[in-house]
Amino acid sequence: MNDSNYFLKGQKEIAIVHDALVVSAGSERVALNLRAIFPDAPIYTSAYLPENTYPEFENKEIHTLPFSKYIKSEKQFKSLFLIWYWGFSSLDLSDYDIVISSAN
């Protein structure tokens, strides 16, 4: 089949979940590429530091977990692993037909 989006017929609701957008590295580039493939998909992440990661994330629909507004650095983010674990486990993504998870 030549249609690369054959599995998306019927306008499925898609969400992208990425562990954190706090640096400019390879896993963040993967999240950007996923967003390019699925341009309407919102991104759910634990924390987002726009000044520390790729500017292409600006103006995208990005949802962060509670407490993310207190994060100011990657080091601080990593020290709060248990909070992020709890946050991701409590995410309600039941409105989505497909959830794509990306992490470093």
N, C-alpha and C. Protein backbone atom coordinates (compact mmCIF):
# COMPACT_ATOMS: atom_id res chain seq x y z
N MET A 1 0.85 -1.18 0.00
CA MET A 1 0.00 0.00 0.00
C MET A 1 0.90 1.24 0.00
N ASN A 2 0.64 2.18 -0.87
CA ASN A 2 1.47 3.38 -1.00
C ASN A 2 1.12 4.47 0.00
N ASP A 3 -0.06 4.42 0.57
CA ASP A 3 -0.49 5.46 1.51
C ASP A 3 0.17 5.23 2.86
N SER A 4 1.14 6.09 3.23
CA SER A 4 1.88 5.89 4.48
C SER A 4 1.01 6.09 5.71
N ASN A 5 -0.15 6.72 5.57
CA ASN A 5 -1.04 6.94 6.71
C ASN A 5 -2.27 6.04 6.66
N TYR A 6 -2.13 4.86 6.07
CA TYR A 6 -3.28 3.97 5.92
C TYR A 6 -3.94 3.62 7.25
N PHE A 7 -3.17 3.54 8.32
CA PHE A 7 -3.72 3.18 9.61
C PHE A 7 -4.44 4.34 10.28
N LEU A 8 -4.38 5.54 9.70
CA LEU A 8 -5.03 6.71 10.28
C LEU A 8 -6.34 7.06 9.59
N LYS A 9 -6.78 6.26 8.66
CA LYS A 9 -8.04 6.56 7.98
C LYS A 9 -9.15 6.65 9.02
N GLY A 10 -10.04 7.61 8.85
CA GLY A 10 -11.12 7.79 9.81
C GLY A 10 -10.81 8.87 10.83
N GLN A 11 -9.76 9.66 10.60
CA GLN A 11 -9.42 10.79 11.48
C GLN A 11 -9.34 10.39 12.95
N LYS A 12 -8.42 9.55 13.27
CA LYS A 12 -8.20 9.14 14.66
C LYS A 12 -7.60 10.29 15.46
N GLU A 13 -7.95 10.35 16.72
CA GLU A 13 -7.37 11.34 17.63
C GLU A 13 -6.04 10.80 18.13
N ILE A 14 -4.99 11.60 17.98
CA ILE A 14 -3.63 11.18 18.32
C ILE A 14 -3.03 12.14 19.33
N ALA A 15 -2.33 11.60 20.31
CA ALA A 15 -1.56 12.40 21.28
C ALA A 15 -0.13 11.90 21.28
N ILE A 16 0.79 12.83 21.51
CA ILE A 16 2.21 12.50 21.67
C ILE A 16 2.57 12.74 23.12
N VAL A 17 3.20 11.76 23.75
CA VAL A 17 3.66 11.90 25.13
C VAL A 17 5.18 11.79 25.11
N HIS A 18 5.84 12.82 25.64
CA HIS A 18 7.31 12.84 25.69
C HIS A 18 7.73 13.13 27.13
N ASP A 19 8.77 12.49 27.59
CA ASP A 19 9.13 12.61 29.01
C ASP A 19 9.37 14.05 29.47
N ALA A 20 10.16 14.81 28.74
CA ALA A 20 10.41 16.20 29.13
C ALA A 20 10.97 16.99 27.96
N LEU A 21 10.63 18.25 27.91
CA LEU A 21 11.17 19.17 26.91
C LEU A 21 11.95 20.24 27.65
N VAL A 22 13.12 19.86 28.18
CA VAL A 22 13.91 20.78 29.00
C VAL A 22 15.31 21.03 28.45
N VAL A 23 15.68 20.34 27.36
CA VAL A 23 16.98 20.53 26.71
C VAL A 23 16.80 20.37 25.20
N SER A 24 17.84 20.70 24.45
CA SER A 24 17.87 20.44 23.01
C SER A 24 18.76 19.24 22.76
N ALA A 25 18.15 18.08 22.60
CA ALA A 25 18.92 16.85 22.40
C ALA A 25 18.16 15.97 21.41
N GLY A 26 18.67 14.76 21.24
CA GLY A 26 18.11 13.86 20.24
C GLY A 26 16.68 13.44 20.49
N SER A 27 16.32 13.15 21.73
CA SER A 27 14.95 12.70 21.99
C SER A 27 13.94 13.82 21.76
N GLU A 28 14.35 15.05 22.00
CA GLU A 28 13.48 16.19 21.72
C GLU A 28 13.30 16.36 20.20
N ARG A 29 14.35 16.05 19.45
CA ARG A 29 14.25 16.10 17.99
C ARG A 29 13.26 15.02 17.51
N VAL A 30 13.26 13.86 18.15
CA VAL A 30 12.30 12.81 17.81
C VAL A 30 10.87 13.32 18.05
N ALA A 31 10.65 13.97 19.19
CA ALA A 31 9.32 14.53 19.48
C ALA A 31 8.91 15.55 18.42
N LEU A 32 9.84 16.37 17.98
CA LEU A 32 9.54 17.33 16.92
C LEU A 32 9.17 16.64 15.62
N ASN A 33 9.88 15.58 15.28
CA ASN A 33 9.58 14.84 14.06
C ASN A 33 8.22 14.14 14.15
N LEU A 34 7.89 13.62 15.32
CA LEU A 34 6.56 13.03 15.50
C LEU A 34 5.48 14.09 15.30
N ARG A 35 5.73 15.27 15.83
CA ARG A 35 4.76 16.37 15.68
C ARG A 35 4.64 16.79 14.22
N ALA A 36 5.72 16.71 13.47
CA ALA A 36 5.67 17.04 12.04
C ALA A 36 4.83 16.01 11.27
N ILE A 37 4.93 14.75 11.67
CA ILE A 37 4.15 13.70 11.03
C ILE A 37 2.67 13.81 11.39
N PHE A 38 2.41 14.18 12.66
CA PHE A 38 1.04 14.30 13.16
C PHE A 38 0.83 15.75 13.64
N PRO A 39 0.64 16.68 12.71
CA PRO A 39 0.64 18.11 13.05
C PRO A 39 -0.49 18.57 13.96
N ASP A 40 -1.55 17.79 14.08
CA ASP A 40 -2.66 18.18 14.96
C ASP A 40 -2.56 17.56 16.34
N ALA A 41 -1.57 16.71 16.56
CA ALA A 41 -1.44 16.00 17.83
C ALA A 41 -0.87 16.92 18.91
N PRO A 42 -1.55 17.00 20.05
CA PRO A 42 -0.98 17.74 21.17
C PRO A 42 0.17 16.94 21.78
N ILE A 43 1.07 17.64 22.45
CA ILE A 43 2.19 17.01 23.13
C ILE A 43 1.96 17.10 24.63
N TYR A 44 2.03 15.97 25.31
CA TYR A 44 1.95 15.92 26.76
C TYR A 44 3.34 15.63 27.28
N THR A 45 3.79 16.41 28.25
CA THR A 45 5.14 16.26 28.78
C THR A 45 5.16 16.64 30.25
N SER A 46 6.17 16.20 30.95
CA SER A 46 6.27 16.53 32.37
C SER A 46 6.61 18.00 32.58
N ALA A 47 7.60 18.49 31.84
CA ALA A 47 8.04 19.88 32.00
C ALA A 47 8.50 20.41 30.65
N TYR A 48 8.32 21.70 30.47
CA TYR A 48 8.70 22.35 29.21
C TYR A 48 9.42 23.64 29.53
N LEU A 49 10.69 23.72 29.11
CA LEU A 49 11.49 24.94 29.27
C LEU A 49 11.80 25.48 27.88
N PRO A 50 10.95 26.36 27.36
CA PRO A 50 11.13 26.83 25.97
C PRO A 50 12.48 27.46 25.70
N GLU A 51 13.07 28.09 26.69
CA GLU A 51 14.36 28.74 26.49
C GLU A 51 15.52 27.75 26.40
N ASN A 52 15.30 26.49 26.80
CA ASN A 52 16.36 25.49 26.80
C ASN A 52 16.24 24.44 25.70
N THR A 53 15.14 24.45 25.00
CA THR A 53 14.94 23.43 23.96
C THR A 53 14.69 24.08 22.61
N TYR A 54 14.34 23.29 21.64
CA TYR A 54 14.22 23.77 20.27
C TYR A 54 13.10 24.81 20.12
N PRO A 55 13.37 25.88 19.39
CA PRO A 55 12.35 26.91 19.19
C PRO A 55 11.16 26.42 18.38
N GLU A 56 11.31 25.32 17.66
CA GLU A 56 10.20 24.77 16.87
C GLU A 56 9.03 24.31 17.73
N PHE A 57 9.27 24.13 19.03
CA PHE A 57 8.17 23.74 19.92
C PHE A 57 7.23 24.91 20.21
N GLU A 58 7.73 26.13 20.03
CA GLU A 58 6.89 27.29 20.29
C GLU A 58 5.66 27.24 19.40
N ASN A 59 4.56 27.70 19.93
CA ASN A 59 3.28 27.73 19.23
C ASN A 59 2.70 26.35 18.95
N LYS A 60 3.19 25.33 19.62
CA LYS A 60 2.61 24.00 19.54
C LYS A 60 1.72 23.81 20.77
N GLU A 61 0.77 22.91 20.64
CA GLU A 61 -0.09 22.61 21.79
C GLU A 61 0.67 21.67 22.72
N ILE A 62 1.17 22.21 23.83
CA ILE A 62 1.96 21.44 24.79
C ILE A 62 1.28 21.51 26.15
N HIS A 63 1.03 20.33 26.72
CA HIS A 63 0.42 20.22 28.03
C HIS A 63 1.46 19.69 29.00
N THR A 64 1.65 20.37 30.11
CA THR A 64 2.63 19.93 31.10
C THR A 64 1.92 19.41 32.34
N LEU A 65 2.66 18.66 33.13
CA LEU A 65 2.13 18.11 34.37
C LEU A 65 2.13 19.19 35.47
N PRO A 66 1.30 18.97 36.50
CA PRO A 66 1.34 19.89 37.64
C PRO A 66 2.77 19.99 38.19
N PHE A 67 3.10 21.08 38.73
CA PHE A 67 4.41 21.39 39.33
C PHE A 67 5.48 21.74 38.30
N SER A 68 5.20 21.58 37.01
CA SER A 68 6.22 21.87 36.00
C SER A 68 6.63 23.33 35.99
N LYS A 69 5.74 24.21 36.41
CA LYS A 69 6.08 25.64 36.40
C LYS A 69 7.19 25.98 37.38
N TYR A 70 7.50 25.07 38.29
CA TYR A 70 8.55 25.31 39.27
C TYR A 70 9.93 24.83 38.78
N ILE A 71 9.97 24.15 37.65
CA ILE A 71 11.22 23.60 37.12
C ILE A 71 11.96 24.68 36.34
N LYS A 72 13.23 24.86 36.66
CA LYS A 72 14.05 25.88 36.02
C LYS A 72 15.28 25.32 35.31
N SER A 73 15.55 24.00 35.49
CA SER A 73 16.73 23.40 34.85
C SER A 73 16.54 21.89 34.70
N GLU A 74 17.36 21.29 33.84
CA GLU A 74 17.32 19.84 33.66
C GLU A 74 17.70 19.12 34.96
N LYS A 75 18.67 19.62 35.65
CA LYS A 75 19.10 19.01 36.92
C LYS A 75 17.96 18.99 37.93
N GLN A 76 17.27 20.10 38.05
CA GLN A 76 16.13 20.17 38.95
C GLN A 76 15.02 19.21 38.51
N PHE A 77 14.79 19.15 37.22
CA PHE A 77 13.80 18.23 36.67
C PHE A 77 14.12 16.79 37.07
N LYS A 78 15.36 16.37 36.87
CA LYS A 78 15.76 15.00 37.16
C LYS A 78 15.66 14.65 38.64
N SER A 79 15.83 15.63 39.50
CA SER A 79 15.75 15.36 40.94
C SER A 79 14.33 15.07 41.42
N LEU A 80 13.35 15.32 40.58
CA LEU A 80 11.95 15.13 40.96
C LEU A 80 11.30 13.97 40.21
N PHE A 81 12.07 12.94 39.92
CA PHE A 81 11.60 11.82 39.12
C PHE A 81 10.29 11.24 39.65
N LEU A 82 10.16 11.05 40.94
CA LEU A 82 8.96 10.42 41.49
C LEU A 82 7.70 11.25 41.24
N ILE A 83 7.83 12.55 41.25
CA ILE A 83 6.68 13.41 40.95
C ILE A 83 6.24 13.20 39.51
N TRP A 84 7.19 13.11 38.59
CA TRP A 84 6.85 12.91 37.19
C TRP A 84 6.23 11.54 36.97
N TYR A 85 6.75 10.54 37.65
CA TYR A 85 6.18 9.19 37.55
C TYR A 85 4.71 9.22 37.96
N TRP A 86 4.43 9.85 39.08
CA TRP A 86 3.05 9.97 39.55
C TRP A 86 2.21 10.75 38.53
N GLY A 87 2.75 11.83 38.03
CA GLY A 87 2.02 12.67 37.09
C GLY A 87 1.64 11.93 35.82
N PHE A 88 2.59 11.21 35.24
CA PHE A 88 2.29 10.46 34.02
C PHE A 88 1.28 9.35 34.29
N SER A 89 1.39 8.71 35.44
CA SER A 89 0.46 7.62 35.74
C SER A 89 -0.96 8.13 35.95
N SER A 90 -1.12 9.41 36.23
CA SER A 90 -2.47 9.96 36.45
C SER A 90 -3.03 10.68 35.22
N LEU A 91 -2.28 10.70 34.11
CA LEU A 91 -2.77 11.34 32.89
C LEU A 91 -3.98 10.58 32.34
N ASP A 92 -5.01 11.31 31.97
CA ASP A 92 -6.17 10.71 31.34
C ASP A 92 -6.08 10.98 29.84
N LEU A 93 -5.73 9.96 29.11
CA LEU A 93 -5.61 10.06 27.65
C LEU A 93 -6.70 9.26 26.96
N SER A 94 -7.79 9.02 27.66
CA SER A 94 -8.86 8.17 27.12
C SER A 94 -9.58 8.79 25.92
N ASP A 95 -9.43 10.07 25.69
CA ASP A 95 -10.04 10.70 24.52
C ASP A 95 -9.28 10.43 23.23
N TYR A 96 -8.13 9.82 23.32
CA TYR A 96 -7.29 9.58 22.16
C TYR A 96 -7.37 8.13 21.70
N ASP A 97 -7.39 7.97 20.37
CA ASP A 97 -7.39 6.63 19.79
C ASP A 97 -5.99 6.05 19.75
N ILE A 98 -4.99 6.95 19.58
CA ILE A 98 -3.59 6.53 19.47
C ILE A 98 -2.76 7.44 20.36
N VAL A 99 -1.90 6.85 21.19
CA VAL A 99 -0.95 7.60 22.01
C VAL A 99 0.44 7.12 21.64
N ILE A 100 1.27 8.08 21.19
CA ILE A 100 2.64 7.77 20.82
C ILE A 100 3.54 8.27 21.93
N SER A 101 4.31 7.37 22.50
CA SER A 101 5.19 7.72 23.61
C SER A 101 6.63 7.81 23.14
N SER A 102 7.31 8.87 23.60
CA SER A 102 8.69 9.11 23.23
C SER A 102 9.45 9.51 24.49
N ALA A 103 10.62 8.93 24.69
CA ALA A 103 11.42 9.27 25.86
C ALA A 103 12.88 9.08 25.54
N ASN A 104 13.74 9.73 26.36
CA ASN A 104 15.16 9.52 26.10
C ASN A 104 15.71 8.44 26.98
